[in-house]
């Protein structure tokens, strides 16, 4: 069983922003130094940063797929309200 200590939300927000540039994991990890200094806490480990970046890229890919499907339905004349309502209600 792997143990991952909780990551400060400031680091996660910074990694989401840095991931827009699709940097290498090591470069994103290095760029967290000023944030760690400002927060006064050590930055997360390289493996934690890598895990967060991989999850963020997967989340973006999934959202892009859903948006593409939604736009395709709209352009095909289908009414996608059922899908949107389903996601909002959480059924």
N, C-alpha and C. Protein backbone atom coordinates (compact mmCIF):
# COMPACT_ATOMS: atom_id res chain seq x y z
N UNK A 1 0.84 -1.17 0.00
CA UNK A 1 0.00 0.00 0.00
C UNK A 1 0.89 1.23 0.00
N UNK A 2 0.67 2.11 -0.95
CA UNK A 2 1.46 3.34 -1.06
C UNK A 2 0.88 4.42 -0.16
N UNK A 3 1.75 5.20 0.42
CA UNK A 3 1.33 6.31 1.27
C UNK A 3 1.66 7.61 0.56
N UNK A 4 0.66 8.43 0.39
CA UNK A 4 0.87 9.74 -0.23
C UNK A 4 0.37 10.80 0.75
N UNK A 5 1.27 11.62 1.29
CA UNK A 5 0.81 12.65 2.21
C UNK A 5 -0.05 13.67 1.47
N UNK A 6 -0.94 14.36 2.18
CA UNK A 6 -1.79 15.34 1.51
C UNK A 6 -0.95 16.46 0.90
N UNK A 7 -1.40 16.93 -0.24
CA UNK A 7 -0.68 17.99 -0.96
C UNK A 7 -1.44 19.30 -0.77
N UNK A 8 -0.71 20.34 -0.44
CA UNK A 8 -1.31 21.65 -0.23
C UNK A 8 -2.04 22.09 -1.51
N UNK A 9 -3.24 22.65 -1.38
CA UNK A 9 -4.00 23.09 -2.57
C UNK A 9 -3.26 24.09 -3.44
N UNK A 10 -2.36 24.86 -2.84
CA UNK A 10 -1.57 25.82 -3.62
C UNK A 10 -0.68 25.13 -4.64
N UNK A 11 -0.13 23.99 -4.26
CA UNK A 11 0.70 23.22 -5.19
C UNK A 11 -0.16 22.63 -6.31
N UNK A 12 -1.32 22.13 -5.97
CA UNK A 12 -2.19 21.54 -6.99
C UNK A 12 -2.64 22.60 -7.99
N UNK A 13 -3.01 23.77 -7.50
CA UNK A 13 -3.39 24.86 -8.40
C UNK A 13 -2.24 25.28 -9.30
N UNK A 14 -1.05 25.35 -8.73
CA UNK A 14 0.12 25.72 -9.53
C UNK A 14 0.41 24.66 -10.59
N UNK A 15 0.28 23.40 -10.22
CA UNK A 15 0.53 22.32 -11.19
C UNK A 15 -0.51 22.32 -12.30
N UNK A 16 -1.75 22.64 -11.98
CA UNK A 16 -2.77 22.74 -13.03
C UNK A 16 -2.41 23.86 -14.01
N UNK A 17 -1.96 24.96 -13.47
CA UNK A 17 -1.56 26.08 -14.32
C UNK A 17 -0.32 25.73 -15.15
N UNK A 18 0.67 25.12 -14.52
CA UNK A 18 1.90 24.75 -15.23
C UNK A 18 1.63 23.67 -16.28
N UNK A 19 0.66 22.82 -16.04
CA UNK A 19 0.39 21.74 -16.97
C UNK A 19 -0.20 22.25 -18.28
N UNK A 20 -0.72 23.46 -18.28
CA UNK A 20 -1.21 24.05 -19.53
C UNK A 20 -0.07 24.18 -20.55
N UNK A 21 1.15 24.30 -20.06
CA UNK A 21 2.32 24.41 -20.94
C UNK A 21 2.90 23.05 -21.28
N UNK A 22 2.32 21.97 -20.72
CA UNK A 22 2.75 20.60 -20.94
C UNK A 22 4.26 20.43 -20.76
N UNK A 23 4.72 20.93 -19.62
CA UNK A 23 6.13 20.81 -19.28
C UNK A 23 6.46 19.38 -18.89
N UNK A 24 7.72 19.06 -18.91
CA UNK A 24 8.16 17.77 -18.39
C UNK A 24 7.89 17.75 -16.89
N UNK A 25 7.67 16.57 -16.34
CA UNK A 25 7.35 16.47 -14.92
C UNK A 25 8.45 17.08 -14.05
N UNK A 26 9.70 16.82 -14.40
CA UNK A 26 10.82 17.35 -13.61
C UNK A 26 10.84 18.87 -13.65
N UNK A 27 10.53 19.45 -14.79
CA UNK A 27 10.52 20.91 -14.90
C UNK A 27 9.39 21.50 -14.05
N UNK A 28 8.22 20.88 -14.08
CA UNK A 28 7.11 21.34 -13.24
C UNK A 28 7.49 21.23 -11.76
N UNK A 29 8.17 20.15 -11.40
CA UNK A 29 8.61 19.96 -10.01
C UNK A 29 9.59 21.06 -9.61
N UNK A 30 10.52 21.40 -10.49
CA UNK A 30 11.49 22.46 -10.18
C UNK A 30 10.81 23.82 -10.04
N UNK A 31 9.79 24.06 -10.85
CA UNK A 31 9.12 25.36 -10.81
C UNK A 31 8.25 25.56 -9.57
N UNK A 32 8.13 24.53 -8.74
CA UNK A 32 7.38 24.67 -7.50
C UNK A 32 8.20 25.27 -6.36
N UNK A 33 9.49 25.48 -6.58
CA UNK A 33 10.36 26.03 -5.52
C UNK A 33 9.85 27.36 -4.98
N UNK A 34 9.54 28.35 -5.84
CA UNK A 34 9.08 29.63 -5.29
C UNK A 34 7.76 29.52 -4.52
N UNK A 35 6.90 28.62 -4.95
CA UNK A 35 5.63 28.44 -4.27
C UNK A 35 5.87 27.83 -2.89
N UNK A 36 6.78 26.86 -2.83
CA UNK A 36 7.13 26.25 -1.55
C UNK A 36 7.72 27.28 -0.60
N UNK A 37 8.57 28.17 -1.12
CA UNK A 37 9.17 29.21 -0.29
C UNK A 37 8.10 30.17 0.22
N UNK A 38 7.16 30.54 -0.64
CA UNK A 38 6.10 31.46 -0.25
C UNK A 38 5.17 30.83 0.78
N UNK A 39 4.87 29.54 0.61
CA UNK A 39 3.99 28.86 1.56
C UNK A 39 4.72 28.45 2.84
N UNK A 40 6.05 28.39 2.77
CA UNK A 40 6.84 28.00 3.93
C UNK A 40 6.76 26.53 4.26
N UNK A 41 6.48 25.71 3.24
CA UNK A 41 6.42 24.26 3.42
C UNK A 41 7.23 23.60 2.31
N UNK A 42 7.71 22.38 2.54
CA UNK A 42 8.48 21.71 1.49
C UNK A 42 7.58 21.35 0.30
N UNK A 43 8.16 21.39 -0.87
CA UNK A 43 7.39 21.02 -2.06
C UNK A 43 7.16 19.52 -2.08
N UNK A 44 6.13 19.08 -2.79
CA UNK A 44 5.88 17.64 -2.87
C UNK A 44 7.01 16.92 -3.60
N UNK A 45 7.09 15.63 -3.40
CA UNK A 45 8.13 14.84 -4.05
C UNK A 45 7.90 14.80 -5.57
N UNK A 46 8.95 14.42 -6.27
CA UNK A 46 8.84 14.31 -7.72
C UNK A 46 7.75 13.32 -8.12
N UNK A 47 7.68 12.19 -7.42
CA UNK A 47 6.68 11.18 -7.79
C UNK A 47 5.26 11.69 -7.55
N UNK A 48 5.08 12.50 -6.52
CA UNK A 48 3.76 13.08 -6.27
C UNK A 48 3.40 14.08 -7.36
N UNK A 49 4.37 14.90 -7.75
CA UNK A 49 4.12 15.87 -8.83
C UNK A 49 3.80 15.13 -10.12
N UNK A 50 4.52 14.08 -10.40
CA UNK A 50 4.26 13.29 -11.60
C UNK A 50 2.86 12.70 -11.57
N UNK A 51 2.46 12.15 -10.42
CA UNK A 51 1.12 11.55 -10.28
C UNK A 51 0.03 12.60 -10.48
N UNK A 52 0.22 13.81 -9.93
CA UNK A 52 -0.77 14.89 -10.08
C UNK A 52 -0.85 15.33 -11.53
N UNK A 53 0.30 15.48 -12.19
CA UNK A 53 0.30 15.91 -13.60
C UNK A 53 -0.36 14.87 -14.50
N UNK A 54 -0.11 13.60 -14.25
CA UNK A 54 -0.74 12.55 -15.05
C UNK A 54 -2.25 12.60 -14.86
N UNK A 55 -2.71 12.76 -13.62
CA UNK A 55 -4.15 12.84 -13.35
C UNK A 55 -4.75 14.07 -14.01
N UNK A 56 -4.04 15.19 -13.99
CA UNK A 56 -4.54 16.42 -14.61
C UNK A 56 -4.65 16.26 -16.12
N UNK A 57 -3.69 15.63 -16.73
CA UNK A 57 -3.74 15.42 -18.18
C UNK A 57 -4.87 14.47 -18.56
N UNK A 58 -5.11 13.47 -17.73
CA UNK A 58 -6.23 12.55 -17.98
C UNK A 58 -7.56 13.28 -17.82
N UNK A 59 -7.66 14.14 -16.81
CA UNK A 59 -8.89 14.92 -16.60
C UNK A 59 -9.16 15.83 -17.79
N UNK A 60 -8.12 16.48 -18.28
CA UNK A 60 -8.29 17.36 -19.46
C UNK A 60 -8.70 16.57 -20.69
N UNK A 61 -8.12 15.38 -20.87
CA UNK A 61 -8.46 14.55 -22.02
C UNK A 61 -9.92 14.10 -21.94
N UNK A 62 -10.34 13.70 -20.75
CA UNK A 62 -11.73 13.27 -20.56
C UNK A 62 -12.70 14.41 -20.82
N UNK A 63 -12.39 15.60 -20.30
CA UNK A 63 -13.26 16.76 -20.52
C UNK A 63 -13.33 17.12 -21.99
N UNK A 64 -12.20 17.00 -22.70
CA UNK A 64 -12.18 17.32 -24.12
C UNK A 64 -13.05 16.32 -24.89
N UNK A 65 -12.97 15.04 -24.53
CA UNK A 65 -13.80 14.03 -25.18
C UNK A 65 -15.28 14.30 -24.97
N UNK A 66 -15.65 14.67 -23.74
CA UNK A 66 -17.05 14.97 -23.45
C UNK A 66 -17.52 16.20 -24.19
N UNK A 67 -16.68 17.22 -24.27
CA UNK A 67 -17.04 18.44 -25.00
C UNK A 67 -17.18 18.15 -26.48
N UNK A 68 -16.27 17.35 -27.05
CA UNK A 68 -16.37 16.98 -28.46
C UNK A 68 -17.68 16.23 -28.74
N UNK A 69 -18.04 15.32 -27.85
CA UNK A 69 -19.29 14.57 -28.01
C UNK A 69 -20.49 15.51 -27.92
N UNK A 70 -20.48 16.44 -26.99
CA UNK A 70 -21.56 17.40 -26.81
C UNK A 70 -21.72 18.28 -28.06
N UNK A 71 -20.61 18.81 -28.56
CA UNK A 71 -20.65 19.67 -29.75
C UNK A 71 -21.10 18.86 -30.96
N UNK A 72 -20.65 17.63 -31.08
CA UNK A 72 -21.09 16.77 -32.18
C UNK A 72 -22.59 16.55 -32.14
N UNK A 73 -23.14 16.31 -30.95
CA UNK A 73 -24.59 16.13 -30.82
C UNK A 73 -25.34 17.39 -31.21
N UNK A 74 -24.86 18.53 -30.76
CA UNK A 74 -25.53 19.79 -31.08
C UNK A 74 -25.49 20.03 -32.59
N UNK A 75 -24.36 19.82 -33.20
CA UNK A 75 -24.24 20.05 -34.64
C UNK A 75 -25.05 19.03 -35.45
N UNK A 76 -25.29 17.86 -34.88
CA UNK A 76 -26.10 16.84 -35.56
C UNK A 76 -27.59 17.07 -35.35
N UNK A 77 -27.93 18.09 -34.57
CA UNK A 77 -29.33 18.40 -34.34
C UNK A 77 -29.93 17.65 -33.17
N UNK A 78 -29.12 16.95 -32.43
CA UNK A 78 -29.63 16.23 -31.26
C UNK A 78 -29.71 17.19 -30.08
N UNK A 79 -30.62 16.90 -29.17
CA UNK A 79 -30.76 17.73 -27.97
C UNK A 79 -30.02 17.02 -26.83
N UNK A 80 -28.90 17.58 -26.38
CA UNK A 80 -28.08 16.90 -25.36
C UNK A 80 -28.51 17.20 -23.92
N UNK A 81 -29.71 17.73 -23.72
CA UNK A 81 -30.11 18.11 -22.36
C UNK A 81 -30.15 16.94 -21.40
N UNK A 82 -30.47 15.75 -21.88
CA UNK A 82 -30.52 14.58 -21.01
C UNK A 82 -29.15 14.30 -20.42
N UNK A 83 -28.10 14.38 -21.25
CA UNK A 83 -26.73 14.14 -20.77
C UNK A 83 -26.34 15.20 -19.76
N UNK A 84 -26.62 16.46 -20.05
CA UNK A 84 -26.26 17.55 -19.14
C UNK A 84 -27.03 17.41 -17.84
N UNK A 85 -28.31 17.17 -17.92
CA UNK A 85 -29.12 17.01 -16.72
C UNK A 85 -28.64 15.82 -15.90
N UNK A 86 -28.33 14.73 -16.57
CA UNK A 86 -27.84 13.53 -15.90
C UNK A 86 -26.58 13.83 -15.12
N UNK A 87 -25.66 14.59 -15.68
CA UNK A 87 -24.42 14.92 -14.99
C UNK A 87 -24.66 15.86 -13.83
N UNK A 88 -25.60 16.80 -13.98
CA UNK A 88 -25.87 17.75 -12.91
C UNK A 88 -26.55 17.08 -11.71
N UNK A 89 -27.45 16.18 -11.99
CA UNK A 89 -28.17 15.51 -10.91
C UNK A 89 -27.29 14.45 -10.27
N UNK A 90 -26.41 13.85 -11.05
CA UNK A 90 -25.50 12.83 -10.54
C UNK A 90 -26.13 11.45 -10.52
N UNK A 91 -27.08 11.20 -11.41
CA UNK A 91 -27.71 9.89 -11.48
C UNK A 91 -26.86 8.93 -12.26
